[in-house]
Amino acid sequence: MPHVVVQGRKVYYESHGEGSLPPLVLVMGTGGSCKGWLPLQVPDLSRTRRTILFDHRGVGGSEDPGGAFTTAMLADDLVDLLDALDVPKADVLGIFMGGMVGQEVALRHPDRLERLVLVGTFARPDAKRRVLLELWRDLARGGAGIDVMVRERLLWTLQDDTLEQTDLIDAMVRFFTRDGAPVDEDVFVRQCDACLSHDTADRLREIPHPTLVLCGRHDRLTPPGMHRFLADEIPDARLVTIDYGAHLVMAESAVRFNEIVDSFLSEGR
């Protein structure tokens, strides 16, 4: 398994493809490992650029230093990984918590970022997002089974048409529970806390990088209004809404999603 040592602990990463374009780092959200990018995003996005995946602290193959963390600390982790891989600058694409990490990379380490893609994320949790994240945190603390947690999250991340495909949903639950969760309950709780404390709303105008904000029209977890706020506040941002898809739009409309991302990252280069 490929690892680098960052701040005295092992970080799992994968590197796919090569090319003349700047490397792209894909940043996963809560509860998932970097391997979630492999089936649908990596084959397309790695054709013309080096594409780097990694597991957050305590996830999958990455060691857990323990203790609470913030999205700013996870942003520092990402930059430390770039240092370890001798990557001076990269494009960053993040989903949900990964998008929060991307915002903090742009703000804390602007010289390490070329372009930013934010998917299914927010600048600050509103009341409903706070209640939901607290519920997920409490379910994990209470020892809810992994199958319960997966189904609960699928309710918020897939659109209704997809949920109607019961065979598909059952297959997804089996897939996510087959080898056990890539994140244990304690790490998931800390991830929820990191999302709850995330707040870049008053700093977004300081982000100088070209930014693509991508939204599934039927996203209930991070509704379109949250994406519009990001696009309005970041000076050099554009918003693209994909009609077919919810929070997991990168899976429900993978071909269209990849085309939009590739076009944005390749533009003018």
Protein backbone atom coordinates (compact mmCIF):
# COMPACT_ATOMS: atom_id res chain seq x y z
CA MET A 1 0.00 0.00 0.00
CA PRO A 2 1.46 3.40 -0.96
CA HIS A 3 2.06 5.63 2.05
CA VAL A 4 3.99 8.77 2.84
CA VAL A 5 4.90 9.96 6.31
CA VAL A 6 3.29 13.29 7.19
CA GLN A 7 3.93 14.85 10.59
CA GLY A 8 5.19 11.51 11.87
CA ARG A 9 2.21 9.42 10.75
CA LYS A 10 1.42 7.36 7.67
CA VAL A 11 -0.97 8.77 5.07
CA TYR A 12 -2.42 6.47 2.42
CA TYR A 13 -2.50 7.87 -1.10
CA GLU A 14 -2.82 6.77 -4.70
CA SER A 15 -1.52 8.46 -7.85
CA HIS A 16 -3.08 7.74 -11.26
CA GLY A 17 -2.19 8.97 -14.73
CA GLU A 18 0.12 11.71 -15.88
CA GLY A 19 0.14 14.62 -18.28
CA SER A 20 1.10 18.23 -18.79
CA LEU A 21 -1.82 19.68 -16.84
CA PRO A 22 -1.40 20.47 -13.12
CA PRO A 23 -2.08 17.51 -10.81
CA LEU A 24 -5.60 17.12 -9.46
CA VAL A 25 -6.25 16.14 -5.85
CA LEU A 26 -9.63 14.53 -5.11
CA VAL A 27 -10.74 15.10 -1.52
CA MET A 28 -13.38 12.80 -0.01
CA GLY A 29 -16.16 13.86 2.36
CA THR A 30 -17.37 12.40 5.64
CA GLY A 31 -17.46 8.67 6.19
CA GLY A 32 -15.76 7.64 2.96
CA SER A 33 -12.32 6.55 1.81
CA CYS A 34 -10.46 7.78 -1.24
CA LYS A 35 -11.33 4.54 -3.03
CA GLY A 36 -14.80 5.98 -3.62
CA TRP A 37 -13.32 8.02 -6.48
CA LEU A 38 -11.90 4.98 -8.28
CA PRO A 39 -14.88 3.55 -10.22
CA LEU A 40 -16.32 6.69 -11.84
CA GLN A 41 -13.95 9.68 -11.60
CA VAL A 42 -10.39 8.39 -11.83
CA PRO A 43 -10.67 6.64 -15.25
CA ASP A 44 -11.84 9.86 -16.95
CA LEU A 45 -9.98 12.54 -15.01
CA SER A 46 -6.61 10.77 -15.01
CA ARG A 47 -6.43 10.56 -18.81
CA THR A 48 -4.81 13.98 -19.17
CA ARG A 49 -3.46 14.75 -15.69
CA ARG A 50 -1.94 13.15 -12.64
CA THR A 51 -4.81 12.45 -10.25
CA ILE A 52 -4.02 12.03 -6.56
CA LEU A 53 -6.30 10.43 -3.97
CA PHE A 54 -5.67 10.16 -0.25
CA ASP A 55 -7.36 9.11 2.96
CA HIS A 56 -7.96 11.68 5.68
CA ARG A 57 -6.46 11.07 9.12
CA GLY A 58 -8.01 8.00 10.72
CA VAL A 59 -9.64 6.86 7.47
CA GLY A 60 -8.85 3.67 5.55
CA GLY A 61 -5.09 3.27 5.37
CA SER A 62 -4.16 6.58 7.06
CA GLU A 63 -3.08 6.62 10.68
CA ASP A 64 -5.07 8.53 13.28
CA PRO A 65 -3.09 10.96 15.46
CA GLY A 66 -6.09 11.18 17.78
CA GLY A 67 -7.84 14.25 19.12
CA ALA A 68 -10.28 16.70 17.64
CA PHE A 69 -9.55 18.31 14.28
CA THR A 70 -10.94 21.05 12.05
CA THR A 71 -11.28 21.49 8.32
CA ALA A 72 -8.35 23.92 8.55
CA MET A 73 -6.20 21.16 10.06
CA LEU A 74 -7.28 18.80 7.28
CA ALA A 75 -6.27 21.48 4.76
CA ASP A 76 -2.83 21.57 6.35
CA ASP A 77 -2.73 17.76 6.08
CA LEU A 78 -3.39 18.04 2.33
CA VAL A 79 -0.59 20.58 1.84
CA ASP A 80 1.79 18.41 3.89
CA LEU A 81 0.94 15.55 1.53
CA LEU A 82 1.75 17.75 -1.48
CA ASP A 83 5.09 18.55 0.14
CA ALA A 84 5.81 14.86 0.68
CA LEU A 85 4.99 14.14 -2.98
CA ASP A 86 7.03 17.11 -4.26
CA VAL A 87 3.95 18.73 -5.82
CA PRO A 88 4.36 22.54 -5.70
CA LYS A 89 0.83 23.37 -6.93
CA ALA A 90 -2.32 21.42 -7.68
CA ASP A 91 -5.98 21.69 -8.57
CA VAL A 92 -8.30 20.52 -5.79
CA LEU A 93 -11.77 18.98 -6.05
CA GLY A 94 -13.66 18.27 -2.84
CA ILE A 95 -17.08 16.86 -1.96
CA PHE A 96 -18.89 17.96 1.25
CA MET A 97 -16.22 17.94 3.99
CA GLY A 98 -13.65 17.68 1.19
CA GLY A 99 -15.05 20.90 -0.27
CA MET A 100 -14.70 22.57 3.11
CA VAL A 101 -11.08 21.42 3.15
CA GLY A 102 -10.64 22.86 -0.35
CA GLN A 103 -11.93 26.25 0.83
CA GLU A 104 -9.42 26.25 3.67
CA VAL A 105 -6.56 25.27 1.35
CA ALA A 106 -7.45 28.23 -0.85
CA LEU A 107 -7.48 30.58 2.14
CA ARG A 108 -4.57 29.22 4.17
CA HIS A 109 -2.25 28.13 1.36
CA PRO A 110 -3.23 30.18 -1.72
CA ASP A 111 0.17 29.67 -3.36
CA ARG A 112 -0.33 25.87 -3.41
CA LEU A 113 -3.61 25.92 -5.31
CA GLU A 114 -4.30 26.51 -9.00
CA ARG A 115 -8.03 25.88 -9.44
CA LEU A 116 -10.77 24.80 -7.05
CA VAL A 117 -13.85 22.63 -7.59
CA LEU A 118 -16.46 22.59 -4.81
CA VAL A 119 -19.16 19.92 -4.88
CA GLY A 120 -22.03 19.42 -2.44
CA THR A 121 -20.57 21.63 0.26
CA PHE A 122 -21.20 24.78 2.26
CA ALA A 123 -19.41 27.76 3.78
CA ARG A 124 -21.27 27.60 7.09
CA PRO A 125 -23.86 25.10 8.36
CA ASP A 126 -27.37 26.48 8.78
CA ALA A 127 -29.76 25.29 11.48
CA LYS A 128 -30.98 22.27 9.49
CA ARG A 129 -27.47 21.11 8.62
CA ARG A 130 -26.48 21.49 12.27
CA VAL A 131 -29.39 19.34 13.43
CA LEU A 132 -28.59 16.70 10.80
CA LEU A 133 -24.86 16.54 11.54
CA GLU A 134 -25.60 16.36 15.27
CA LEU A 135 -28.04 13.50 14.58
CA TRP A 136 -25.43 11.59 12.55
CA ARG A 137 -22.88 12.19 15.28
CA ASP A 138 -25.26 10.93 17.96
CA LEU A 139 -26.19 7.84 15.92
CA ALA A 140 -22.51 6.99 15.61
CA ARG A 141 -21.91 7.60 19.29
CA GLY A 142 -24.88 5.38 20.13
CA GLY A 143 -23.45 2.47 18.18
CA ALA A 144 -25.93 2.42 15.29
CA GLY A 145 -24.96 -0.37 12.91
CA ILE A 146 -23.11 0.42 9.72
CA ASP A 147 -26.10 -0.67 7.61
CA VAL A 148 -28.31 1.81 9.49
CA MET A 149 -25.79 4.61 8.99
CA VAL A 150 -25.40 3.84 5.28
CA ARG A 151 -29.18 3.83 4.66
CA GLU A 152 -29.62 7.04 6.68
CA ARG A 153 -27.00 8.81 4.59
CA LEU A 154 -28.34 7.45 1.30
CA LEU A 155 -31.70 9.06 2.13
CA TRP A 156 -29.96 12.45 2.16
CA THR A 157 -27.51 11.94 -0.69
CA LEU A 158 -29.48 10.26 -3.49
CA GLN A 159 -32.38 11.65 -5.45
CA ASP A 160 -35.81 10.03 -5.26
CA ASP A 161 -35.53 8.35 -8.68
CA THR A 162 -32.40 6.55 -7.55
CA LEU A 163 -33.96 5.51 -4.24
CA GLU A 164 -36.80 3.87 -6.20
CA GLN A 165 -34.23 1.39 -7.58
CA THR A 166 -34.38 -0.90 -4.55
CA ASP A 167 -32.05 -3.49 -6.09
CA LEU A 168 -29.44 -0.79 -6.60
CA ILE A 169 -29.85 0.52 -3.05
CA ASP A 170 -29.51 -2.98 -1.59
CA ALA A 171 -26.37 -3.50 -3.70
CA MET A 172 -24.92 -0.20 -2.49
CA VAL A 173 -25.57 -1.10 1.14
CA ARG A 174 -23.91 -4.49 0.62
CA PHE A 175 -20.93 -2.79 -1.05
CA PHE A 176 -20.45 -0.24 1.74
CA THR A 177 -20.86 -2.81 4.52
CA ARG A 178 -19.01 -5.75 2.97
CA ASP A 179 -15.55 -4.92 4.34
CA GLY A 180 -16.71 -2.79 7.25
CA ALA A 181 -16.74 0.98 7.36
CA PRO A 182 -13.52 2.75 6.29
CA VAL A 183 -14.13 5.15 9.20
CA ASP A 184 -14.79 4.00 12.76
CA GLU A 185 -17.43 5.64 14.95
CA ASP A 186 -14.98 7.87 16.81
CA VAL A 187 -13.40 9.30 13.65
CA PHE A 188 -16.83 9.83 12.08
CA VAL A 189 -17.93 11.76 15.17
CA ARG A 190 -14.87 13.99 14.87
CA GLN A 191 -15.56 14.50 11.15
CA CYS A 192 -19.10 15.65 11.98
CA ASP A 193 -17.68 18.05 14.57
CA ALA A 194 -15.24 19.43 11.98
CA CYS A 195 -18.14 20.11 9.59
CA LEU A 196 -20.18 21.71 12.39
CA SER A 197 -17.35 24.12 13.22
CA HIS A 198 -16.50 24.95 9.60
CA ASP A 199 -17.06 28.61 8.76
CA THR A 200 -15.55 30.44 5.80
CA ALA A 201 -18.62 32.56 5.01
CA ASP A 202 -16.96 35.86 5.84
CA ARG A 203 -13.68 34.96 4.12
CA LEU A 204 -14.81 33.61 0.75
CA ARG A 205 -14.07 36.91 -0.99
CA GLU A 206 -10.41 36.35 -0.17
CA ILE A 207 -10.25 33.28 -2.44
CA PRO A 208 -8.42 34.42 -5.59
CA HIS A 209 -8.53 31.16 -7.54
CA PRO A 210 -10.77 30.24 -10.47
CA THR A 211 -13.48 28.18 -8.83
CA LEU A 212 -16.18 25.85 -10.14
CA VAL A 213 -19.15 25.24 -7.85
CA LEU A 214 -20.99 22.07 -8.91
CA CYS A 215 -24.45 21.21 -7.64
CA GLY A 216 -26.98 18.44 -8.19
CA ARG A 217 -30.38 20.08 -8.65
CA HIS A 218 -32.03 17.70 -6.18
CA ASP A 219 -29.36 17.89 -3.47
CA ARG A 220 -31.11 17.83 -0.08
CA LEU A 221 -27.99 17.63 2.06
CA THR A 222 -26.46 20.80 0.60
CA PRO A 223 -29.26 22.49 -1.36
CA PRO A 224 -28.67 24.71 -4.42
CA GLY A 225 -28.95 27.88 -2.33
CA MET A 226 -25.80 26.96 -0.45
CA HIS A 227 -23.94 26.54 -3.73
CA ARG A 228 -25.27 29.87 -5.02
CA PHE A 229 -23.89 31.57 -1.90
CA LEU A 230 -20.43 30.10 -2.55
CA ALA A 231 -20.50 31.14 -6.20
CA ASP A 232 -21.71 34.66 -5.36
CA GLU A 233 -19.09 35.24 -2.66
CA ILE A 234 -15.99 33.80 -4.36
CA PRO A 235 -14.87 36.50 -6.83
CA ASP A 236 -13.80 34.23 -9.71
CA ALA A 237 -16.43 31.50 -9.36
CA ARG A 238 -19.04 30.01 -11.61
CA LEU A 239 -21.99 27.82 -10.64
CA VAL A 240 -23.07 24.82 -12.70
CA THR A 241 -26.18 22.87 -11.73
CA ILE A 242 -26.65 19.36 -13.09
CA ASP A 243 -30.32 18.55 -13.62
CA TYR A 244 -30.10 14.83 -12.91
CA GLY A 245 -28.55 14.23 -9.56
CA ALA A 246 -28.62 14.99 -5.86
CA HIS A 247 -25.75 15.20 -3.39
CA LEU A 248 -23.98 12.22 -4.99
CA VAL A 249 -24.22 13.83 -8.42
CA MET A 250 -20.74 12.54 -9.28
CA ALA A 251 -22.24 9.03 -9.22
CA GLU A 252 -25.76 9.70 -10.53
CA SER A 253 -24.52 11.80 -13.48
CA ALA A 254 -20.90 10.65 -13.63
CA VAL A 255 -20.32 11.21 -17.35
CA ARG A 256 -21.71 14.75 -17.32
CA PHE A 257 -19.97 15.54 -14.03
CA ASN A 258 -16.58 14.43 -15.35
CA GLU A 259 -17.04 16.35 -18.60
CA ILE A 260 -17.78 19.58 -16.73
CA VAL A 261 -14.86 19.15 -14.36
CA ASP A 262 -12.43 18.25 -17.14
CA SER A 263 -13.53 21.22 -19.25
CA PHE A 264 -13.08 23.65 -16.37
CA LEU A 265 -9.67 22.31 -15.37
CA SER A 266 -8.43 22.25 -18.98
CA GLU A 267 -9.75 25.68 -19.96
CA GLY A 268 -7.06 27.99 -21.30
CA ARG A 269 -4.24 25.54 -20.53
